[in-house]
Amino acid sequence: MSDEEHHFESKADAGASKTYPQQAGTIRKNGYIVIKQRPCKVVEVSTSKTGKHGHAKCHFVGIDIFTAKKLEDIVPSSHNCDVPHVNRTDYQLIDISEDGFVSLLTENGGTKDDLRLPTDDSLLSQIKSGFEEGKDLVVTVMSAMGEEQICALKDIGPKS
């Protein structure tokens, strides 16, 4: 039995954790952190000195990458914090449905139809006006902790 070789094929997200641990003292501004179970971009970090019997504490101020809400957390600098795996993927915009969902072209030629239009008003109006003008639009989708949202837009010229 022990002579058999076992081969495991690794898949992209097969059972992968949504976060990874990182020591609080090593997280810097513009990094990512999980605060109150939400993935956040760190906008401010301050470290307090150790007390008579305590740890140095890190005070994090983060902005939720999906809802843009401001969240704060204080963690001892020697403890681990959860850091979300944040991925950005570009997709070409094919269609916008009447119920607010977008149809996107994936790299392998399939379609992705499970994303809503963004809630950010300026980005929303740019996408709608560009699509109505018949431009070729590429949207950037940010994903973290099982959530996905359109976060940016690129115009790659008129449709040919």
C-alpha atoms as a PDB file:
ATOM      1  CA  MET A   1       0.000   0.000   0.000  1.00  0.00           C
ATOM      2  CA  SER A   2       2.793   2.435   0.848  1.00  0.00           C
ATOM      3  CA  ASP A   3       4.534   1.800  -2.491  1.00  0.00           C
ATOM      4  CA  GLU A   4       1.749   3.526  -4.417  1.00  0.00           C
ATOM      5  CA  GLU A   5       2.358   7.042  -5.519  1.00  0.00           C
ATOM      6  CA  HIS A   6      -0.391   9.557  -4.903  1.00  0.00           C
ATOM      7  CA  HIS A   7      -0.880  12.355  -7.403  1.00  0.00           C
ATOM      8  CA  PHE A   8      -2.977  15.366  -6.519  1.00  0.00           C
ATOM      9  CA  GLU A   9      -3.956  17.906  -9.118  1.00  0.00           C
ATOM     10  CA  SER A  10      -4.218  21.373  -7.661  1.00  0.00           C
ATOM     11  CA  LYS A  11      -7.249  23.349  -8.714  1.00  0.00           C
ATOM     12  CA  ALA A  12      -7.440  27.128  -8.482  1.00  0.00           C
ATOM     13  CA  ASP A  13      -9.715  27.512  -5.464  1.00  0.00           C
ATOM     14  CA  ALA A  14     -10.350  23.932  -4.365  1.00  0.00           C
ATOM     15  CA  GLY A  15     -10.951  24.233  -0.665  1.00  0.00           C
ATOM     16  CA  ALA A  16      -8.651  27.217  -0.447  1.00  0.00           C
ATOM     17  CA  SER A  17      -9.083  29.497   2.519  1.00  0.00           C
ATOM     18  CA  LYS A  18     -10.639  32.895   1.896  1.00  0.00           C
ATOM     19  CA  THR A  19      -7.997  34.510   4.129  1.00  0.00           C
ATOM     20  CA  TYR A  20      -4.454  33.937   5.341  1.00  0.00           C
ATOM     21  CA  PRO A  21      -2.864  34.912   8.664  1.00  0.00           C
ATOM     22  CA  GLN A  22      -0.352  37.746   8.909  1.00  0.00           C
ATOM     23  CA  GLN A  23       1.193  39.287  11.988  1.00  0.00           C
ATOM     24  CA  ALA A  24      -0.573  42.562  12.847  1.00  0.00           C
ATOM     25  CA  GLY A  25       2.694  44.492  13.172  1.00  0.00           C
ATOM     26  CA  THR A  26       3.638  43.718   9.559  1.00  0.00           C
ATOM     27  CA  ILE A  27       0.424  44.992   7.921  1.00  0.00           C
ATOM     28  CA  ARG A  28       0.987  48.368   6.280  1.00  0.00           C
ATOM     29  CA  LYS A  29      -1.097  51.160   4.804  1.00  0.00           C
ATOM     30  CA  ASN A  30      -2.691  50.235   1.417  1.00  0.00           C
ATOM     31  CA  GLY A  31      -2.563  46.548   2.373  1.00  0.00           C
ATOM     32  CA  TYR A  32      -5.671  44.463   3.043  1.00  0.00           C
ATOM     33  CA  ILE A  33      -7.112  43.200   6.337  1.00  0.00           C
ATOM     34  CA  VAL A  34     -10.314  41.557   7.547  1.00  0.00           C
ATOM     35  CA  ILE A  35     -12.180  43.743  10.039  1.00  0.00           C
ATOM     36  CA  LYS A  36     -15.486  42.456  11.473  1.00  0.00           C
ATOM     37  CA  GLN A  37     -15.588  39.677   8.814  1.00  0.00           C
ATOM     38  CA  ARG A  38     -15.321  42.250   5.967  1.00  0.00           C
ATOM     39  CA  PRO A  39     -12.376  42.587   3.529  1.00  0.00           C
ATOM     40  CA  CYS A  40     -10.913  46.086   3.917  1.00  0.00           C
ATOM     41  CA  LYS A  41      -8.148  48.179   2.410  1.00  0.00           C
ATOM     42  CA  VAL A  42      -6.011  49.689   5.167  1.00  0.00           C
ATOM     43  CA  VAL A  43      -6.025  53.506   5.007  1.00  0.00           C
ATOM     44  CA  GLU A  44      -4.379  54.222   8.360  1.00  0.00           C
ATOM     45  CA  VAL A  45      -2.180  52.271  10.783  1.00  0.00           C
ATOM     46  CA  SER A  46      -0.950  53.547  14.116  1.00  0.00           C
ATOM     47  CA  THR A  47       1.026  51.577  16.692  1.00  0.00           C
ATOM     48  CA  SER A  48       0.910  52.319  20.397  1.00  0.00           C
ATOM     49  CA  LYS A  49       3.849  51.559  22.659  1.00  0.00           C
ATOM     50  CA  THR A  50       3.759  48.686  25.094  1.00  0.00           C
ATOM     51  CA  GLY A  51       2.282  49.348  28.500  1.00  0.00           C
ATOM     52  CA  LYS A  52       3.767  48.221  31.782  1.00  0.00           C
ATOM     53  CA  HIS A  53       2.510  44.647  31.307  1.00  0.00           C
ATOM     54  CA  GLY A  54       1.163  44.608  27.779  1.00  0.00           C
ATOM     55  CA  HIS A  55       1.697  44.268  24.096  1.00  0.00           C
ATOM     56  CA  ALA A  56       2.152  47.026  21.567  1.00  0.00           C
ATOM     57  CA  LYS A  57      -1.205  47.552  19.878  1.00  0.00           C
ATOM     58  CA  CYS A  58      -1.915  48.288  16.207  1.00  0.00           C
ATOM     59  CA  HIS A  59      -4.901  50.486  15.422  1.00  0.00           C
ATOM     60  CA  PHE A  60      -6.208  49.808  11.901  1.00  0.00           C
ATOM     61  CA  VAL A  61      -8.613  52.003   9.974  1.00  0.00           C
ATOM     62  CA  GLY A  62      -9.886  50.279   6.859  1.00  0.00           C
ATOM     63  CA  ILE A  63     -12.411  50.904   4.119  1.00  0.00           C
ATOM     64  CA  ASP A  64     -14.569  47.928   3.083  1.00  0.00           C
ATOM     65  CA  ILE A  65     -13.570  47.148  -0.525  1.00  0.00           C
ATOM     66  CA  PHE A  66     -17.179  46.376  -1.508  1.00  0.00           C
ATOM     67  CA  THR A  67     -19.366  48.751   0.539  1.00  0.00           C
ATOM     68  CA  ALA A  68     -16.840  51.604   1.110  1.00  0.00           C
ATOM     69  CA  LYS A  69     -17.787  51.674   4.829  1.00  0.00           C
ATOM     70  CA  LYS A  70     -15.083  52.735   7.279  1.00  0.00           C
ATOM     71  CA  LEU A  71     -14.185  50.088   9.872  1.00  0.00           C
ATOM     72  CA  GLU A  72     -11.694  50.155  12.747  1.00  0.00           C
ATOM     73  CA  ASP A  73      -9.919  47.490  14.775  1.00  0.00           C
ATOM     74  CA  ILE A  74      -7.258  47.365  17.489  1.00  0.00           C
ATOM     75  CA  VAL A  75      -5.056  44.257  17.629  1.00  0.00           C
ATOM     76  CA  PRO A  76      -1.908  43.426  19.649  1.00  0.00           C
ATOM     77  CA  SER A  77       0.990  43.741  17.193  1.00  0.00           C
ATOM     78  CA  SER A  78       2.299  40.253  17.972  1.00  0.00           C
ATOM     79  CA  HIS A  79      -1.058  38.593  17.154  1.00  0.00           C
ATOM     80  CA  ASN A  80      -2.115  37.368  13.740  1.00  0.00           C
ATOM     81  CA  CYS A  81      -4.785  39.108  11.687  1.00  0.00           C
ATOM     82  CA  ASP A  82      -6.717  37.645   8.779  1.00  0.00           C
ATOM     83  CA  VAL A  83      -5.765  39.065   5.399  1.00  0.00           C
ATOM     84  CA  PRO A  84      -8.161  38.407   2.512  1.00  0.00           C
ATOM     85  CA  HIS A  85      -7.036  36.939  -0.805  1.00  0.00           C
ATOM     86  CA  VAL A  86      -7.984  39.781  -3.170  1.00  0.00           C
ATOM     87  CA  ASN A  87      -8.052  39.057  -6.899  1.00  0.00           C
ATOM     88  CA  ARG A  88      -8.695  41.377  -9.803  1.00  0.00           C
ATOM     89  CA  THR A  89      -9.843  39.977 -13.137  1.00  0.00           C
ATOM     90  CA  ASP A  90     -10.649  41.776 -16.385  1.00  0.00           C
ATOM     91  CA  TYR A  91     -13.694  40.765 -18.423  1.00  0.00           C
ATOM     92  CA  GLN A  92     -15.131  42.198 -21.608  1.00  0.00           C
ATOM     93  CA  LEU A  93     -18.671  43.570 -21.258  1.00  0.00           C
ATOM     94  CA  ILE A  94     -21.143  41.868 -23.601  1.00  0.00           C
ATOM     95  CA  ASP A  95     -24.535  43.010 -22.393  1.00  0.00           C
ATOM     96  CA  ILE A  96     -26.418  44.780 -19.615  1.00  0.00           C
ATOM     97  CA  SER A  97     -29.770  43.241 -18.719  1.00  0.00           C
ATOM     98  CA  GLU A  98     -32.809  45.266 -17.648  1.00  0.00           C
ATOM     99  CA  ASP A  99     -32.687  43.855 -14.108  1.00  0.00           C
ATOM    100  CA  GLY A 100     -29.193  45.292 -13.469  1.00  0.00           C
ATOM    101  CA  PHE A 101     -27.056  42.225 -14.183  1.00  0.00           C
ATOM    102  CA  VAL A 102     -24.141  42.304 -16.612  1.00  0.00           C
ATOM    103  CA  SER A 103     -23.057  39.643 -19.059  1.00  0.00           C
ATOM    104  CA  LEU A 104     -19.277  39.337 -19.252  1.00  0.00           C
ATOM    105  CA  LEU A 105     -16.959  37.422 -21.582  1.00  0.00           C
ATOM    106  CA  THR A 106     -14.410  35.277 -19.726  1.00  0.00           C
ATOM    107  CA  GLU A 107     -10.886  34.520 -20.944  1.00  0.00           C
ATOM    108  CA  ASN A 108     -11.832  30.999 -22.053  1.00  0.00           C
ATOM    109  CA  GLY A 109     -14.745  32.250 -24.174  1.00  0.00           C
ATOM    110  CA  GLY A 110     -17.559  31.502 -21.728  1.00  0.00           C
ATOM    111  CA  THR A 111     -19.935  34.017 -20.222  1.00  0.00           C
ATOM    112  CA  LYS A 112     -20.295  35.185 -16.644  1.00  0.00           C
ATOM    113  CA  ASP A 113     -23.824  36.357 -15.887  1.00  0.00           C
ATOM    114  CA  ASP A 114     -23.969  36.457 -12.084  1.00  0.00           C
ATOM    115  CA  LEU A 115     -22.658  39.983 -11.445  1.00  0.00           C
ATOM    116  CA  ARG A 116     -24.755  43.075 -10.785  1.00  0.00           C
ATOM    117  CA  LEU A 117     -23.905  46.550 -12.013  1.00  0.00           C
ATOM    118  CA  PRO A 118     -21.783  48.446  -9.454  1.00  0.00           C
ATOM    119  CA  THR A 119     -23.486  50.600  -6.822  1.00  0.00           C
ATOM    120  CA  ASP A 120     -21.002  53.451  -7.317  1.00  0.00           C
ATOM    121  CA  ASP A 121     -22.979  56.083  -9.277  1.00  0.00           C
ATOM    122  CA  SER A 122     -20.125  57.534 -11.364  1.00  0.00           C
ATOM    123  CA  LEU A 123     -18.866  54.078 -12.411  1.00  0.00           C
ATOM    124  CA  LEU A 124     -22.453  52.968 -13.120  1.00  0.00           C
ATOM    125  CA  SER A 125     -23.132  55.950 -15.402  1.00  0.00           C
ATOM    126  CA  GLN A 126     -19.785  55.481 -17.217  1.00  0.00           C
ATOM    127  CA  ILE A 127     -20.584  51.817 -17.908  1.00  0.00           C
ATOM    128  CA  LYS A 128     -24.144  52.537 -19.087  1.00  0.00           C
ATOM    129  CA  SER A 129     -23.220  55.491 -21.318  1.00  0.00           C
ATOM    130  CA  GLY A 130     -20.204  53.683 -22.798  1.00  0.00           C
ATOM    131  CA  PHE A 131     -22.313  50.594 -23.513  1.00  0.00           C
ATOM    132  CA  GLU A 132     -25.078  52.680 -25.152  1.00  0.00           C
ATOM    133  CA  GLU A 133     -22.474  54.396 -27.369  1.00  0.00           C
ATOM    134  CA  GLY A 134     -21.363  50.953 -28.571  1.00  0.00           C
ATOM    135  CA  LYS A 135     -17.848  51.140 -27.139  1.00  0.00           C
ATOM    136  CA  ASP A 136     -15.836  48.012 -26.343  1.00  0.00           C
ATOM    137  CA  LEU A 137     -15.632  48.072 -22.564  1.00  0.00           C
ATOM    138  CA  VAL A 138     -13.484  45.968 -20.252  1.00  0.00           C
ATOM    139  CA  VAL A 139     -14.535  45.886 -16.612  1.00  0.00           C
ATOM    140  CA  THR A 140     -12.262  44.944 -13.727  1.00  0.00           C
ATOM    141  CA  VAL A 141     -13.887  42.641 -11.181  1.00  0.00           C
ATOM    142  CA  MET A 142     -12.467  42.510  -7.671  1.00  0.00           C
ATOM    143  CA  SER A 143     -13.149  39.342  -5.693  1.00  0.00           C
ATOM    144  CA  ALA A 144     -12.434  38.574  -2.049  1.00  0.00           C
ATOM    145  CA  MET A 145     -13.954  36.242   0.540  1.00  0.00           C
ATOM    146  CA  GLY A 146     -16.578  34.860  -1.844  1.00  0.00           C
ATOM    147  CA  GLU A 147     -17.832  38.273  -2.999  1.00  0.00           C
ATOM    148  CA  GLU A 148     -17.327  39.902  -6.369  1.00  0.00           C
ATOM    149  CA  GLN A 149     -17.931  43.417  -7.602  1.00  0.00           C
ATOM    150  CA  ILE A 150     -17.066  45.550 -10.623  1.00  0.00           C
ATOM    151  CA  CYS A 151     -14.516  48.136  -9.459  1.00  0.00           C
ATOM    152  CA  ALA A 152     -13.069  49.695 -12.617  1.00  0.00           C
ATOM    153  CA  LEU A 153     -13.719  50.276 -16.303  1.00  0.00           C
ATOM    154  CA  LYS A 154     -11.469  50.480 -19.357  1.00  0.00           C
ATOM    155  CA  ASP A 155     -12.485  51.608 -22.838  1.00  0.00           C
ATOM    156  CA  ILE A 156     -10.663  49.631 -25.526  1.00  0.00           C
ATOM    157  CA  GLY A 157     -12.120  51.518 -28.475  1.00  0.00           C
ATOM    158  CA  PRO A 158     -15.300  51.308 -30.583  1.00  0.00           C
ATOM    159  CA  LYS A 159     -16.749  47.941 -31.555  1.00  0.00           C
ATOM    160  CA  SER A 160     -15.575  46.881 -34.992  1.00  0.00           C
END
